[in-house]
Amino acid sequence: MSTKYEAKIGSAIYTRIQSLHISEVKRKRALDALYEANLLVDGLVWVAKKIERIGGRLFLKPALKH
């Protein structure tokens, strides 16, 4: 796994997975699952921010000035 993904996942978690006594196939599968979960979370955060931005424009009512 590249250092870019290691930094994004967190070196403590990466080190912990590397220290486990498991086969390389299982280790790679665990790291891939962690990476995919990180992508999913990033996508959900992006969608939530877009909804917040769009919702702010759609649901704000202009104030009437007297």
Protein backbone atom coordinates (compact mmCIF):
# COMPACT_ATOMS: atom_id res chain seq x y z
CA MET A 1 0.00 0.00 0.00
CA SER A 2 1.38 3.39 -0.85
CA THR A 3 2.39 5.86 1.80
CA LYS A 4 -0.35 8.22 0.58
CA TYR A 5 -3.03 5.76 1.65
CA GLU A 6 -1.12 4.85 4.80
CA ALA A 7 -1.12 8.50 5.85
CA LYS A 8 -4.81 8.87 5.04
CA ILE A 9 -5.82 5.72 6.92
CA GLY A 10 -3.61 6.54 9.87
CA SER A 11 -0.25 5.06 10.62
CA ALA A 12 -1.40 3.55 13.93
CA ILE A 13 -4.07 1.44 12.26
CA TYR A 14 -1.76 0.55 9.39
CA THR A 15 0.99 -0.52 11.82
CA ARG A 16 -1.49 -2.56 13.82
CA ILE A 17 -2.66 -4.44 10.73
CA GLN A 18 0.95 -5.01 9.65
CA SER A 19 1.82 -6.44 13.08
CA LEU A 20 -0.93 -9.08 13.00
CA HIS A 21 0.10 -12.67 12.45
CA ILE A 22 -2.02 -13.31 9.37
CA SER A 23 -1.29 -14.28 5.80
CA GLU A 24 -0.40 -11.62 3.24
CA VAL A 25 -3.67 -12.29 1.41
CA LYS A 26 -5.73 -11.59 4.54
CA ARG A 27 -3.58 -8.55 5.39
CA LYS A 28 -4.10 -7.13 1.91
CA ARG A 29 -7.83 -7.86 2.15
CA ALA A 30 -8.01 -6.02 5.50
CA LEU A 31 -6.14 -3.01 4.12
CA ASP A 32 -8.33 -2.96 1.01
CA ALA A 33 -11.47 -3.08 3.15
CA LEU A 34 -10.14 -0.23 5.27
CA TYR A 35 -9.38 1.79 2.16
CA GLU A 36 -12.85 1.13 0.69
CA ALA A 37 -14.50 2.12 3.97
CA ASN A 38 -12.49 5.34 3.91
CA LEU A 39 -13.67 6.04 0.36
CA LEU A 40 -17.27 5.40 1.39
CA VAL A 41 -17.01 7.80 4.31
CA ASP A 42 -15.40 10.46 2.11
CA GLY A 43 -18.23 10.05 -0.39
CA LEU A 44 -20.91 10.35 2.27
CA VAL A 45 -19.29 13.46 3.73
CA TRP A 46 -19.12 14.98 0.24
CA VAL A 47 -22.81 14.24 -0.38
CA ALA A 48 -23.78 15.65 3.02
CA LYS A 49 -21.87 18.87 2.33
CA LYS A 50 -23.48 19.21 -1.12
CA ILE A 51 -26.96 18.70 0.34
CA GLU A 52 -26.19 21.29 3.01
CA ARG A 53 -25.02 23.77 0.38
CA ILE A 54 -27.96 23.17 -1.96
CA GLY A 55 -30.45 23.09 0.90
CA GLY A 56 -29.19 26.41 2.14
CA ARG A 57 -30.00 27.99 -1.20
CA LEU A 58 -33.33 26.24 -1.72
CA PHE A 59 -34.89 26.53 1.70
CA LEU A 60 -33.85 30.02 2.73
CA LYS A 61 -36.71 32.40 2.31
CA PRO A 62 -35.91 36.01 1.49
CA ALA A 63 -36.66 38.35 4.34
CA LEU A 64 -39.25 41.03 3.77
CA LYS A 65 -38.01 44.51 4.49
CA HIS A 66 -40.48 46.95 5.93
